[in-house]
Amino acid sequence: MKEIPIPNVRANQAGIVLLVALAVALRQPALIAALWAIQMLGLWQGIRANLIVQLAAPLLRSRVAGAPTESRELLRFNNAITVVLLTLSLLAFWMNPGGWYGYVLASIVALAALAALCGFCLGCFLYYRFKRLRK
């Protein structure tokens, strides 16, 4: 299967927004570390290994059948950007445990996911620009 059902994609995006918002509100970098692990596993093993998607699957089962899809290649690109930014966020927390730089970097991920939920995919825009430059 080369395509991913959009309800699964939206569940992952909503999970990103929720976990980062909780991490910022509770000032708990551990939640960002957990999100990094979830996204890294999804990047490494595919979206089916993503814990957020697995937890949402029973709720989405009826919506996934026949749902529109998105390209797996495009989603892997977006996921890679997410993992890089979350890695930088965790490095910022490691270098300055009480600082806010890590929250800013994680918030960039959350804002991009929120924008995607609202209809504008920043990662998709960057992907197509990147592809055009490579031609």
N, C-alpha and C. Protein backbone atom coordinates (compact mmCIF):
# COMPACT_ATOMS: atom_id res chain seq x y z
N MET A 1 0.84 -1.18 0.00
CA MET A 1 0.00 0.00 0.00
C MET A 1 0.89 1.25 0.00
N LYS A 2 0.73 2.08 -0.99
CA LYS A 2 1.55 3.29 -1.13
C LYS A 2 0.88 4.53 -0.56
N GLU A 3 -0.34 4.38 -0.09
CA GLU A 3 -1.10 5.52 0.39
C GLU A 3 -1.53 5.28 1.85
N ILE A 4 -1.70 6.37 2.58
CA ILE A 4 -2.11 6.31 3.98
C ILE A 4 -3.48 6.99 4.09
N PRO A 5 -4.45 6.35 4.73
CA PRO A 5 -5.77 6.97 4.89
C PRO A 5 -5.68 8.28 5.69
N ILE A 6 -6.36 9.29 5.22
CA ILE A 6 -6.31 10.61 5.86
C ILE A 6 -6.77 10.59 7.32
N PRO A 7 -7.78 9.80 7.71
CA PRO A 7 -8.11 9.79 9.15
C PRO A 7 -6.92 9.38 10.04
N ASN A 8 -6.08 8.48 9.57
CA ASN A 8 -4.88 8.11 10.34
C ASN A 8 -3.91 9.28 10.41
N VAL A 9 -3.76 9.98 9.31
CA VAL A 9 -2.86 11.14 9.27
C VAL A 9 -3.35 12.21 10.23
N ARG A 10 -4.64 12.49 10.19
CA ARG A 10 -5.23 13.52 11.07
C ARG A 10 -5.11 13.13 12.55
N ALA A 11 -5.27 11.86 12.84
CA ALA A 11 -5.13 11.40 14.23
C ALA A 11 -3.70 11.67 14.72
N ASN A 12 -2.72 11.39 13.88
CA ASN A 12 -1.33 11.64 14.25
C ASN A 12 -1.09 13.13 14.47
N GLN A 13 -1.61 13.95 13.57
CA GLN A 13 -1.44 15.40 13.70
C GLN A 13 -2.09 15.92 14.97
N ALA A 14 -3.28 15.44 15.27
CA ALA A 14 -3.97 15.86 16.49
C ALA A 14 -3.19 15.41 17.73
N GLY A 15 -2.63 14.21 17.68
CA GLY A 15 -1.82 13.72 18.79
C GLY A 15 -0.58 14.57 19.01
N ILE A 16 0.04 15.01 17.93
CA ILE A 16 1.21 15.89 18.04
C ILE A 16 0.83 17.19 18.73
N VAL A 17 -0.25 17.81 18.27
CA VAL A 17 -0.70 19.07 18.85
C VAL A 17 -1.01 18.88 20.33
N LEU A 18 -1.73 17.82 20.66
CA LEU A 18 -2.13 17.57 22.04
C LEU A 18 -0.92 17.34 22.94
N LEU A 19 0.00 16.50 22.52
CA LEU A 19 1.17 16.19 23.37
C LEU A 19 2.07 17.40 23.57
N VAL A 20 2.28 18.19 22.52
CA VAL A 20 3.12 19.38 22.68
C VAL A 20 2.42 20.40 23.56
N ALA A 21 1.12 20.59 23.37
CA ALA A 21 0.37 21.53 24.21
C ALA A 21 0.43 21.11 25.68
N LEU A 22 0.27 19.82 25.94
CA LEU A 22 0.38 19.33 27.32
C LEU A 22 1.79 19.53 27.87
N ALA A 23 2.80 19.26 27.05
CA ALA A 23 4.18 19.42 27.50
C ALA A 23 4.47 20.87 27.87
N VAL A 24 3.99 21.80 27.06
CA VAL A 24 4.21 23.22 27.34
C VAL A 24 3.41 23.64 28.57
N ALA A 25 2.14 23.26 28.63
CA ALA A 25 1.29 23.66 29.75
C ALA A 25 1.78 23.10 31.08
N LEU A 26 2.24 21.86 31.06
CA LEU A 26 2.70 21.21 32.28
C LEU A 26 4.21 21.36 32.52
N ARG A 27 4.89 21.99 31.54
CA ARG A 27 6.35 22.15 31.58
C ARG A 27 7.02 20.80 31.83
N GLN A 28 6.66 19.84 30.95
CA GLN A 28 7.16 18.47 31.05
C GLN A 28 7.85 18.06 29.75
N PRO A 29 9.16 18.27 29.64
CA PRO A 29 9.88 17.84 28.45
C PRO A 29 9.79 16.34 28.20
N ALA A 30 9.46 15.58 29.23
CA ALA A 30 9.32 14.12 29.06
C ALA A 30 8.22 13.80 28.05
N LEU A 31 7.19 14.62 27.97
CA LEU A 31 6.13 14.40 26.98
C LEU A 31 6.65 14.62 25.56
N ILE A 32 7.57 15.55 25.41
CA ILE A 32 8.18 15.78 24.10
C ILE A 32 9.09 14.61 23.76
N ALA A 33 9.79 14.08 24.75
CA ALA A 33 10.61 12.89 24.53
C ALA A 33 9.74 11.71 24.11
N ALA A 34 8.59 11.56 24.74
CA ALA A 34 7.66 10.48 24.37
C ALA A 34 7.17 10.68 22.94
N LEU A 35 6.83 11.91 22.59
CA LEU A 35 6.39 12.21 21.23
C LEU A 35 7.50 11.91 20.23
N TRP A 36 8.74 12.25 20.58
CA TRP A 36 9.88 11.95 19.70
C TRP A 36 9.97 10.45 19.47
N ALA A 37 9.84 9.66 20.53
CA ALA A 37 9.92 8.20 20.39
C ALA A 37 8.80 7.67 19.51
N ILE A 38 7.60 8.19 19.68
CA ILE A 38 6.46 7.75 18.87
C ILE A 38 6.70 8.08 17.40
N GLN A 39 7.16 9.29 17.13
CA GLN A 39 7.37 9.71 15.75
C GLN A 39 8.58 8.99 15.13
N MET A 40 9.61 8.76 15.92
CA MET A 40 10.79 8.05 15.42
C MET A 40 10.42 6.61 15.04
N LEU A 41 9.64 5.96 15.87
CA LEU A 41 9.20 4.60 15.57
C LEU A 41 8.35 4.59 14.31
N GLY A 42 7.49 5.59 14.16
CA GLY A 42 6.68 5.71 12.94
C GLY A 42 7.52 5.95 11.71
N LEU A 43 8.56 6.74 11.84
CA LEU A 43 9.46 6.99 10.71
C LEU A 43 10.23 5.72 10.34
N TRP A 44 10.65 4.99 11.34
CA TRP A 44 11.46 3.80 11.13
C TRP A 44 10.62 2.62 10.63
N GLN A 45 9.46 2.39 11.23
CA GLN A 45 8.66 1.21 10.92
C GLN A 45 7.42 1.50 10.06
N GLY A 46 7.08 2.76 9.87
CA GLY A 46 5.88 3.10 9.11
C GLY A 46 4.76 3.52 10.05
N ILE A 47 3.72 4.09 9.46
CA ILE A 47 2.65 4.68 10.26
C ILE A 47 1.92 3.66 11.12
N ARG A 48 1.92 2.41 10.72
CA ARG A 48 1.23 1.39 11.53
C ARG A 48 1.91 1.18 12.88
N ALA A 49 3.19 1.56 12.98
CA ALA A 49 3.91 1.43 14.26
C ALA A 49 3.72 2.66 15.13
N ASN A 50 3.08 3.68 14.62
CA ASN A 50 2.87 4.92 15.37
C ASN A 50 1.82 4.67 16.46
N LEU A 51 2.21 4.88 17.71
CA LEU A 51 1.34 4.60 18.85
C LEU A 51 0.07 5.45 18.82
N ILE A 52 0.17 6.68 18.39
CA ILE A 52 -1.01 7.56 18.32
C ILE A 52 -2.03 6.97 17.36
N VAL A 53 -1.56 6.52 16.19
CA VAL A 53 -2.45 5.92 15.19
C VAL A 53 -3.03 4.61 15.72
N GLN A 54 -2.21 3.82 16.40
CA GLN A 54 -2.70 2.56 16.97
C GLN A 54 -3.79 2.80 18.00
N LEU A 55 -3.61 3.82 18.85
CA LEU A 55 -4.62 4.12 19.86
C LEU A 55 -5.91 4.66 19.24
N ALA A 56 -5.79 5.39 18.14
CA ALA A 56 -6.96 5.96 17.47
C ALA A 56 -7.65 4.97 16.54
N ALA A 57 -6.97 3.90 16.17
CA ALA A 57 -7.50 2.95 15.17
C ALA A 57 -8.90 2.43 15.49
N PRO A 58 -9.19 2.02 16.72
CA PRO A 58 -10.55 1.53 16.99
C PRO A 58 -11.63 2.61 16.76
N LEU A 59 -11.28 3.85 17.04
CA LEU A 59 -12.23 4.94 16.84
C LEU A 59 -12.40 5.30 15.37
N LEU A 60 -11.36 5.02 14.58
CA LEU A 60 -11.36 5.43 13.17
C LEU A 60 -11.71 4.30 12.21
N ARG A 61 -11.90 3.11 12.71
CA ARG A 61 -12.08 1.94 11.85
C ARG A 61 -13.16 2.17 10.79
N SER A 62 -14.29 2.73 11.15
CA SER A 62 -15.37 2.94 10.18
C SER A 62 -15.06 4.08 9.21
N ARG A 63 -14.21 5.02 9.61
CA ARG A 63 -13.89 6.16 8.75
C ARG A 63 -12.75 5.88 7.78
N VAL A 64 -11.93 4.88 8.09
CA VAL A 64 -10.76 4.58 7.26
C VAL A 64 -11.16 3.90 5.95
N ALA A 65 -12.14 3.02 6.02
CA ALA A 65 -12.58 2.29 4.82
C ALA A 65 -13.12 3.28 3.79
N GLY A 66 -12.48 3.33 2.64
CA GLY A 66 -12.92 4.21 1.56
C GLY A 66 -12.54 5.67 1.74
N ALA A 67 -11.75 5.99 2.75
CA ALA A 67 -11.36 7.38 2.99
C ALA A 67 -10.33 7.82 1.96
N PRO A 68 -10.27 9.12 1.68
CA PRO A 68 -9.20 9.63 0.82
C PRO A 68 -7.84 9.33 1.46
N THR A 69 -6.81 9.32 0.65
CA THR A 69 -5.48 8.97 1.15
C THR A 69 -4.46 10.05 0.81
N GLU A 70 -3.30 9.93 1.47
CA GLU A 70 -2.15 10.80 1.17
C GLU A 70 -0.95 9.91 0.86
N SER A 71 -0.03 10.46 0.12
CA SER A 71 1.16 9.74 -0.32
C SER A 71 2.05 9.35 0.86
N ARG A 72 2.48 8.11 0.88
CA ARG A 72 3.38 7.62 1.93
C ARG A 72 4.72 8.37 1.87
N GLU A 73 5.21 8.61 0.66
CA GLU A 73 6.50 9.32 0.51
C GLU A 73 6.42 10.73 1.10
N LEU A 74 5.34 11.42 0.84
CA LEU A 74 5.15 12.77 1.37
C LEU A 74 5.05 12.74 2.90
N LEU A 75 4.34 11.79 3.43
CA LEU A 75 4.20 11.69 4.89
C LEU A 75 5.51 11.32 5.57
N ARG A 76 6.32 10.50 4.92
CA ARG A 76 7.64 10.18 5.48
C ARG A 76 8.53 11.43 5.51
N PHE A 77 8.43 12.26 4.48
CA PHE A 77 9.18 13.52 4.45
C PHE A 77 8.74 14.40 5.62
N ASN A 78 7.44 14.55 5.80
CA ASN A 78 6.91 15.36 6.90
C ASN A 78 7.34 14.78 8.26
N ASN A 79 7.28 13.46 8.38
CA ASN A 79 7.66 12.81 9.62
C ASN A 79 9.15 13.02 9.91
N ALA A 80 9.97 13.01 8.87
CA ALA A 80 11.41 13.24 9.05
C ALA A 80 11.66 14.65 9.58
N ILE A 81 10.94 15.63 9.05
CA ILE A 81 11.08 17.00 9.54
C ILE A 81 10.66 17.07 11.01
N THR A 82 9.57 16.40 11.34
CA THR A 82 9.09 16.35 12.72
C THR A 82 10.14 15.76 13.65
N VAL A 83 10.73 14.66 13.26
CA VAL A 83 11.75 14.01 14.08
C VAL A 83 12.98 14.90 14.25
N VAL A 84 13.39 15.57 13.19
CA VAL A 84 14.56 16.47 13.28
C VAL A 84 14.26 17.60 14.26
N LEU A 85 13.11 18.24 14.14
CA LEU A 85 12.78 19.35 15.04
C LEU A 85 12.62 18.89 16.48
N LEU A 86 12.02 17.73 16.68
CA LEU A 86 11.88 17.21 18.05
C LEU A 86 13.24 16.81 18.63
N THR A 87 14.14 16.31 17.77
CA THR A 87 15.50 16.00 18.22
C THR A 87 16.21 17.27 18.67
N LEU A 88 16.07 18.33 17.88
CA LEU A 88 16.67 19.62 18.25
C LEU A 88 16.06 20.14 19.55
N SER A 89 14.76 19.93 19.71
CA SER A 89 14.08 20.33 20.94
C SER A 89 14.67 19.60 22.14
N LEU A 90 14.84 18.29 22.01
CA LEU A 90 15.41 17.51 23.12
C LEU A 90 16.85 17.90 23.40
N LEU A 91 17.62 18.21 22.36
CA LEU A 91 18.99 18.68 22.57
C LEU A 91 19.00 20.01 23.31
N ALA A 92 18.05 20.87 22.98
CA ALA A 92 17.94 22.16 23.67
C ALA A 92 17.62 21.95 25.15
N PHE A 93 16.74 21.00 25.46
CA PHE A 93 16.44 20.70 26.87
C PHE A 93 17.66 20.10 27.57
N TRP A 94 18.41 19.29 26.86
CA TRP A 94 19.59 18.68 27.45
C TRP A 94 20.66 19.74 27.76
N MET A 95 20.83 20.70 26.83
CA MET A 95 21.85 21.73 27.03
C MET A 95 21.41 22.79 28.04
N ASN A 96 20.12 23.04 28.12
CA ASN A 96 19.60 24.06 29.04
C ASN A 96 18.29 23.54 29.63
N PRO A 97 18.37 22.69 30.66
CA PRO A 97 17.18 22.02 31.19
C PRO A 97 16.03 22.95 31.59
N GLY A 98 16.31 24.11 32.09
CA GLY A 98 15.25 25.02 32.53
C GLY A 98 14.83 26.00 31.45
N GLY A 99 15.45 25.90 30.28
CA GLY A 99 15.21 26.89 29.23
C GLY A 99 13.93 26.66 28.45
N TRP A 100 13.64 27.61 27.59
CA TRP A 100 12.41 27.56 26.80
C TRP A 100 12.66 27.25 25.34
N TYR A 101 13.93 27.14 24.90
CA TYR A 101 14.23 26.89 23.49
C TYR A 101 13.62 25.56 23.02
N GLY A 102 13.68 24.56 23.87
CA GLY A 102 13.11 23.26 23.52
C GLY A 102 11.62 23.34 23.28
N TYR A 103 10.93 24.14 24.09
CA TYR A 103 9.49 24.30 23.90
C TYR A 103 9.18 25.05 22.60
N VAL A 104 10.02 26.00 22.25
CA VAL A 104 9.82 26.74 21.00
C VAL A 104 9.95 25.80 19.80
N LEU A 105 10.99 24.97 19.80
CA LEU A 105 11.19 24.03 18.69
C LEU A 105 10.06 23.02 18.61
N ALA A 106 9.62 22.51 19.75
CA ALA A 106 8.49 21.57 19.74
C ALA A 106 7.21 22.27 19.31
N SER A 107 7.06 23.53 19.69
CA SER A 107 5.86 24.28 19.29
C SER A 107 5.80 24.52 17.79
N ILE A 108 6.95 24.62 17.15
CA ILE A 108 6.97 24.74 15.69
C ILE A 108 6.34 23.50 15.07
N VAL A 109 6.68 22.34 15.61
CA VAL A 109 6.08 21.08 15.14
C VAL A 109 4.58 21.11 15.36
N ALA A 110 4.15 21.52 16.55
CA ALA A 110 2.72 21.55 16.87
C ALA A 110 1.98 22.54 15.97
N LEU A 111 2.57 23.70 15.72
CA LEU A 111 1.91 24.68 14.86
C LEU A 111 1.80 24.18 13.43
N ALA A 112 2.82 23.49 12.95
CA ALA A 112 2.75 22.91 11.60
C ALA A 112 1.66 21.83 11.54
N ALA A 113 1.56 21.02 12.58
CA ALA A 113 0.51 19.98 12.62
C ALA A 113 -0.87 20.63 12.70
N LEU A 114 -0.99 21.70 13.48
CA LEU A 114 -2.28 22.40 13.59
C LEU A 114 -2.65 23.03 12.24
N ALA A 115 -1.69 23.61 11.56
CA ALA A 115 -1.95 24.18 10.23
C ALA A 115 -2.39 23.09 9.27
N ALA A 116 -1.77 21.91 9.36
CA ALA A 116 -2.17 20.79 8.49
C ALA A 116 -3.59 20.35 8.80
N LEU A 117 -3.95 20.34 10.07
CA LEU A 117 -5.32 19.99 10.44
C LEU A 117 -6.32 21.01 9.89
N CYS A 118 -5.86 22.24 9.75
CA CYS A 118 -6.73 23.31 9.21
C CYS A 118 -6.70 23.39 7.69
N GLY A 119 -5.84 22.59 7.05
CA GLY A 119 -5.86 22.54 5.60
C GLY A 119 -4.59 22.98 4.88
N PHE A 120 -3.61 23.53 5.58
CA PHE A 120 -2.36 23.92 4.93
C PHE A 120 -1.22 23.08 5.47
N CYS A 121 -0.63 22.28 4.60
CA CYS A 121 0.47 21.41 5.00
C CYS A 121 1.80 22.08 4.64
N LEU A 122 2.48 22.60 5.65
CA LEU A 122 3.77 23.25 5.43
C LEU A 122 4.80 22.26 4.91
N GLY A 123 4.80 21.05 5.46
CA GLY A 123 5.73 20.02 5.00
C GLY A 123 5.50 19.67 3.54
N CYS A 124 4.23 19.64 3.13
CA CYS A 124 3.91 19.35 1.72
C CYS A 124 4.46 20.46 0.82
N PHE A 125 4.28 21.70 1.25
CA PHE A 125 4.80 22.85 0.51
C PHE A 125 6.31 22.73 0.36
N LEU A 126 7.00 22.42 1.45
CA LEU A 126 8.46 22.28 1.40
C LEU A 126 8.87 21.10 0.53
N TYR A 127 8.12 20.01 0.59
CA TYR A 127 8.41 18.83 -0.21
C TYR A 127 8.36 19.15 -1.70
N TYR A 128 7.30 19.81 -2.13
CA TYR A 128 7.16 20.12 -3.55
C TYR A 128 8.21 21.14 -4.00
N ARG A 129 8.55 22.09 -3.14
CA ARG A 129 9.65 23.03 -3.47
C ARG A 129 10.97 22.28 -3.61
N PHE A 130 11.22 21.36 -2.69
CA PHE A 130 12.44 20.55 -2.72
C PHE A 130 12.49 19.73 -4.00
N LYS A 131 11.39 19.11 -4.38
CA LYS A 131 11.33 18.31 -5.61
C LYS A 131 11.58 19.17 -6.84
N ARG A 132 11.05 20.36 -6.87
CA ARG A 132 11.26 21.27 -8.02
C ARG A 132 12.71 21.68 -8.14
N LEU A 133 13.38 21.90 -7.00
CA LEU A 133 14.78 22.30 -7.02
C LEU A 133 15.68 21.17 -7.52
N ARG A 134 15.26 19.94 -7.28
CA ARG A 134 16.08 18.78 -7.67
C ARG A 134 15.96 18.48 -9.15
N LYS A 135 14.98 19.02 -9.84
CA LYS A 135 14.81 18.74 -11.28
C LYS A 135 15.77 19.52 -12.12
